Amino acid sequence: MTLHTHIAPTAPIARVQNQFDRILETSMNTAMMPITMPQHGPIMPMLNVYETGNRIIVEAELPGVPLDDVDVTVVGNQLTITGRRTLLIPEEAAIVAKERGSLKFHRTVMLPELVREEGIRASMRKGILTVSLPRMSTIAERGFPMA
């Protein structure tokens, strides 16, 4: 059996243009674009925030990001997640297609209330970062004097 493939004369030009577009997209994603510019792709990382009992839970999608490359900071009622994903390609490999690349990210979310610093936990499972934050349970913990 013989397989013949015909390439349109403009195919190499389209391929180069596609690669150039990918380079531009990657450079914009790695420049830590402000959150107010969503036309350059999805806000990274996408997340959910919910309350359960005495904790606030934040789950963030971070595929390909090890927990060691993530920083979680809480100031007041703001949670900030920063980090980086590094794409490692073996030296002997030739890239055929590249849609995922290295990037830096920064995301701040307002929490529904203040949390206690003691007992904050972060874990990573299947590309989902889960940050569990203990809610302040009394008015005194929130910094208001008891009457």
C-alpha atoms as a PDB file:
ATOM      1  CA  MET A   1       0.000   0.000   0.000  1.00  0.00           C
ATOM      2  CA  THR A   2       1.284   3.430  -0.881  1.00  0.00           C
ATOM      3  CA  LEU A   3       0.140   6.566   0.792  1.00  0.00           C
ATOM      4  CA  HIS A   4       0.489   9.853  -1.024  1.00  0.00           C
ATOM      5  CA  THR A   5       0.195  13.208   0.664  1.00  0.00           C
ATOM      6  CA  HIS A   6      -0.197  16.439  -1.209  1.00  0.00           C
ATOM      7  CA  ILE A   7       0.754  19.680   0.474  1.00  0.00           C
ATOM      8  CA  ALA A   8      -0.900  22.864  -0.644  1.00  0.00           C
ATOM      9  CA  PRO A   9       1.626  25.494  -1.739  1.00  0.00           C
ATOM     10  CA  THR A  10       0.551  27.789   1.099  1.00  0.00           C
ATOM     11  CA  ALA A  11       0.806  25.121   3.838  1.00  0.00           C
ATOM     12  CA  PRO A  12       4.409  25.969   4.888  1.00  0.00           C
ATOM     13  CA  ILE A  13       3.474  29.648   5.184  1.00  0.00           C
ATOM     14  CA  ALA A  14       0.411  28.791   7.278  1.00  0.00           C
ATOM     15  CA  ARG A  15       2.570  26.569   9.488  1.00  0.00           C
ATOM     16  CA  VAL A  16       5.070  29.371  10.109  1.00  0.00           C
ATOM     17  CA  GLN A  17       2.248  31.825  10.809  1.00  0.00           C
ATOM     18  CA  ASN A  18       0.687  29.383  13.290  1.00  0.00           C
ATOM     19  CA  GLN A  19       4.032  28.946  15.081  1.00  0.00           C
ATOM     20  CA  PHE A  20       4.502  32.720  15.217  1.00  0.00           C
ATOM     21  CA  ASP A  21       1.013  33.128  16.722  1.00  0.00           C
ATOM     22  CA  ARG A  22       1.861  30.512  19.381  1.00  0.00           C
ATOM     23  CA  ILE A  23       5.095  32.353  20.254  1.00  0.00           C
ATOM     24  CA  LEU A  24       3.178  35.593  20.741  1.00  0.00           C
ATOM     25  CA  GLU A  25       0.510  33.881  22.869  1.00  0.00           C
ATOM     26  CA  THR A  26       3.179  32.244  25.040  1.00  0.00           C
ATOM     27  CA  SER A  27       5.057  35.497  25.550  1.00  0.00           C
ATOM     28  CA  MET A  28       1.840  37.221  26.646  1.00  0.00           C
ATOM     29  CA  ASN A  29       0.961  34.397  29.051  1.00  0.00           C
ATOM     30  CA  THR A  30       4.419  34.407  30.672  1.00  0.00           C
ATOM     31  CA  ALA A  31       4.446  38.176  31.168  1.00  0.00           C
ATOM     32  CA  MET A  32       1.966  37.947  34.058  1.00  0.00           C
ATOM     33  CA  MET A  33      -0.669  40.022  32.289  1.00  0.00           C
ATOM     34  CA  PRO A  34      -2.994  41.915  34.630  1.00  0.00           C
ATOM     35  CA  ILE A  35      -6.194  40.129  35.525  1.00  0.00           C
ATOM     36  CA  THR A  36      -8.210  42.832  33.715  1.00  0.00           C
ATOM     37  CA  MET A  37      -7.030  41.643  30.292  1.00  0.00           C
ATOM     38  CA  PRO A  38      -8.885  38.332  29.707  1.00  0.00           C
ATOM     39  CA  GLN A  39      -8.640  38.619  25.900  1.00  0.00           C
ATOM     40  CA  HIS A  40      -5.224  36.951  26.181  1.00  0.00           C
ATOM     41  CA  GLY A  41      -6.700  33.703  27.410  1.00  0.00           C
ATOM     42  CA  PRO A  42      -8.285  32.447  30.609  1.00  0.00           C
ATOM     43  CA  ILE A  43      -7.409  33.989  33.948  1.00  0.00           C
ATOM     44  CA  MET A  44      -4.832  31.726  35.518  1.00  0.00           C
ATOM     45  CA  PRO A  45      -5.511  29.944  37.718  1.00  0.00           C
ATOM     46  CA  MET A  46      -9.255  29.393  37.507  1.00  0.00           C
ATOM     47  CA  LEU A  47     -10.671  28.760  40.968  1.00  0.00           C
ATOM     48  CA  ASN A  48     -13.666  28.073  43.177  1.00  0.00           C
ATOM     49  CA  VAL A  49     -14.202  29.368  46.724  1.00  0.00           C
ATOM     50  CA  TYR A  50     -16.682  27.792  49.127  1.00  0.00           C
ATOM     51  CA  GLU A  51     -17.423  27.591  52.841  1.00  0.00           C
ATOM     52  CA  THR A  52     -17.831  24.396  54.793  1.00  0.00           C
ATOM     53  CA  GLY A  53     -18.385  24.356  58.542  1.00  0.00           C
ATOM     54  CA  ASN A  54     -15.545  26.282  60.134  1.00  0.00           C
ATOM     55  CA  ARG A  55     -13.320  26.521  57.022  1.00  0.00           C
ATOM     56  CA  ILE A  56     -13.108  28.404  53.740  1.00  0.00           C
ATOM     57  CA  ILE A  57     -11.882  26.252  50.876  1.00  0.00           C
ATOM     58  CA  VAL A  58     -10.196  27.600  47.731  1.00  0.00           C
ATOM     59  CA  GLU A  59      -9.575  25.185  44.856  1.00  0.00           C
ATOM     60  CA  ALA A  60      -7.412  26.332  41.946  1.00  0.00           C
ATOM     61  CA  GLU A  61      -6.647  24.569  38.661  1.00  0.00           C
ATOM     62  CA  LEU A  62      -2.875  24.300  38.281  1.00  0.00           C
ATOM     63  CA  PRO A  63      -2.136  21.512  35.804  1.00  0.00           C
ATOM     64  CA  GLY A  64       1.547  20.681  35.563  1.00  0.00           C
ATOM     65  CA  VAL A  65       2.512  22.873  38.521  1.00  0.00           C
ATOM     66  CA  PRO A  66       4.250  21.176  41.459  1.00  0.00           C
ATOM     67  CA  LEU A  67       3.266  22.371  44.934  1.00  0.00           C
ATOM     68  CA  ASP A  68       6.879  23.495  45.514  1.00  0.00           C
ATOM     69  CA  ASP A  69       6.450  26.113  42.750  1.00  0.00           C
ATOM     70  CA  VAL A  70       3.336  27.685  44.352  1.00  0.00           C
ATOM     71  CA  ASP A  71       3.208  30.435  46.976  1.00  0.00           C
ATOM     72  CA  VAL A  72       0.037  31.110  48.970  1.00  0.00           C
ATOM     73  CA  THR A  73      -0.217  34.382  50.890  1.00  0.00           C
ATOM     74  CA  VAL A  74      -3.049  35.689  53.062  1.00  0.00           C
ATOM     75  CA  VAL A  75      -3.240  39.367  54.000  1.00  0.00           C
ATOM     76  CA  GLY A  76      -6.446  40.431  55.706  1.00  0.00           C
ATOM     77  CA  ASN A  77      -9.214  38.802  53.700  1.00  0.00           C
ATOM     78  CA  GLN A  78      -7.186  38.530  50.467  1.00  0.00           C
ATOM     79  CA  LEU A  79      -5.691  35.236  49.340  1.00  0.00           C
ATOM     80  CA  THR A  80      -2.968  35.457  46.692  1.00  0.00           C
ATOM     81  CA  ILE A  81      -1.681  32.476  44.726  1.00  0.00           C
ATOM     82  CA  THR A  82       1.521  32.955  42.729  1.00  0.00           C
ATOM     83  CA  GLY A  83       3.771  30.488  41.010  1.00  0.00           C
ATOM     84  CA  ARG A  84       5.212  29.138  37.827  1.00  0.00           C
ATOM     85  CA  ARG A  85       4.940  26.194  35.496  1.00  0.00           C
ATOM     86  CA  THR A  86       8.109  25.151  33.720  1.00  0.00           C
ATOM     87  CA  LEU A  87       7.835  23.068  30.604  1.00  0.00           C
ATOM     88  CA  LEU A  88      10.684  20.580  30.401  1.00  0.00           C
ATOM     89  CA  ILE A  89      11.410  19.118  26.985  1.00  0.00           C
ATOM     90  CA  PRO A  90      14.322  16.700  26.582  1.00  0.00           C
ATOM     91  CA  GLU A  91      17.245  18.120  24.583  1.00  0.00           C
ATOM     92  CA  GLU A  92      17.081  15.312  22.045  1.00  0.00           C
ATOM     93  CA  ALA A  93      13.364  15.909  21.414  1.00  0.00           C
ATOM     94  CA  ALA A  94      12.005  17.858  18.456  1.00  0.00           C
ATOM     95  CA  ILE A  95       8.829  19.813  19.154  1.00  0.00           C
ATOM     96  CA  VAL A  96       6.056  18.816  16.774  1.00  0.00           C
ATOM     97  CA  ALA A  97       3.290  20.832  18.427  1.00  0.00           C
ATOM     98  CA  LYS A  98       3.362  23.060  21.493  1.00  0.00           C
ATOM     99  CA  GLU A  99       0.180  24.397  23.050  1.00  0.00           C
ATOM    100  CA  ARG A 100       1.272  24.346  26.696  1.00  0.00           C
ATOM    101  CA  GLY A 101       4.303  26.305  27.733  1.00  0.00           C
ATOM    102  CA  SER A 102       6.097  27.708  30.715  1.00  0.00           C
ATOM    103  CA  LEU A 103       4.291  30.501  32.485  1.00  0.00           C
ATOM    104  CA  LYS A 104       4.115  32.594  35.623  1.00  0.00           C
ATOM    105  CA  PHE A 105       0.801  33.289  37.293  1.00  0.00           C
ATOM    106  CA  HIS A 106      -0.604  35.546  39.985  1.00  0.00           C
ATOM    107  CA  ARG A 107      -4.168  35.468  41.247  1.00  0.00           C
ATOM    108  CA  THR A 108      -5.764  37.326  44.164  1.00  0.00           C
ATOM    109  CA  VAL A 109      -9.229  36.548  45.503  1.00  0.00           C
ATOM    110  CA  MET A 110     -11.238  38.252  48.228  1.00  0.00           C
ATOM    111  CA  LEU A 111     -12.289  35.822  50.940  1.00  0.00           C
ATOM    112  CA  PRO A 112     -15.793  36.180  52.412  1.00  0.00           C
ATOM    113  CA  GLU A 113     -14.322  36.883  55.864  1.00  0.00           C
ATOM    114  CA  LEU A 114     -11.076  37.053  57.810  1.00  0.00           C
ATOM    115  CA  VAL A 115      -9.287  33.781  58.533  1.00  0.00           C
ATOM    116  CA  ARG A 116      -6.843  32.567  61.185  1.00  0.00           C
ATOM    117  CA  GLU A 117      -3.239  32.193  60.040  1.00  0.00           C
ATOM    118  CA  GLU A 118      -2.745  29.146  62.239  1.00  0.00           C
ATOM    119  CA  GLY A 119      -4.117  26.053  60.566  1.00  0.00           C
ATOM    120  CA  ILE A 120      -3.947  27.147  56.918  1.00  0.00           C
ATOM    121  CA  ARG A 121      -3.264  24.046  54.814  1.00  0.00           C
ATOM    122  CA  ALA A 122      -2.412  23.654  51.135  1.00  0.00           C
ATOM    123  CA  SER A 123      -2.301  20.431  49.137  1.00  0.00           C
ATOM    124  CA  MET A 124      -2.107  19.444  45.481  1.00  0.00           C
ATOM    125  CA  ARG A 125      -3.891  16.491  43.904  1.00  0.00           C
ATOM    126  CA  LYS A 126      -4.314  15.810  40.181  1.00  0.00           C
ATOM    127  CA  GLY A 127      -3.489  19.398  39.236  1.00  0.00           C
ATOM    128  CA  ILE A 128      -5.916  20.949  41.738  1.00  0.00           C
ATOM    129  CA  LEU A 129      -4.478  23.115  44.504  1.00  0.00           C
ATOM    130  CA  THR A 130      -6.687  23.049  47.596  1.00  0.00           C
ATOM    131  CA  VAL A 131      -6.168  25.725  50.235  1.00  0.00           C
ATOM    132  CA  SER A 132      -8.102  25.202  53.462  1.00  0.00           C
ATOM    133  CA  LEU A 133      -8.384  28.269  55.694  1.00  0.00           C
ATOM    134  CA  PRO A 134      -9.848  28.234  59.230  1.00  0.00           C
ATOM    135  CA  ARG A 135     -12.595  30.816  59.709  1.00  0.00           C
ATOM    136  CA  MET A 136     -12.433  33.154  62.689  1.00  0.00           C
ATOM    137  CA  SER A 137     -15.053  31.847  65.057  1.00  0.00           C
ATOM    138  CA  THR A 138     -15.521  34.717  67.501  1.00  0.00           C
ATOM    139  CA  ILE A 139     -15.764  38.492  67.387  1.00  0.00           C
ATOM    140  CA  ALA A 140     -12.734  38.681  69.717  1.00  0.00           C
ATOM    141  CA  GLU A 141     -10.605  36.783  67.166  1.00  0.00           C
ATOM    142  CA  ARG A 142     -11.595  39.315  64.504  1.00  0.00           C
ATOM    143  CA  GLY A 143     -10.039  42.121  66.551  1.00  0.00           C
ATOM    144  CA  PHE A 144     -13.187  43.613  68.034  1.00  0.00           C
ATOM    145  CA  PRO A 145     -13.255  44.067  71.820  1.00  0.00           C
ATOM    146  CA  MET A 146     -15.723  41.976  73.745  1.00  0.00           C
ATOM    147  CA  ALA A 147     -18.345  44.055  75.572  1.00  0.00           C
END
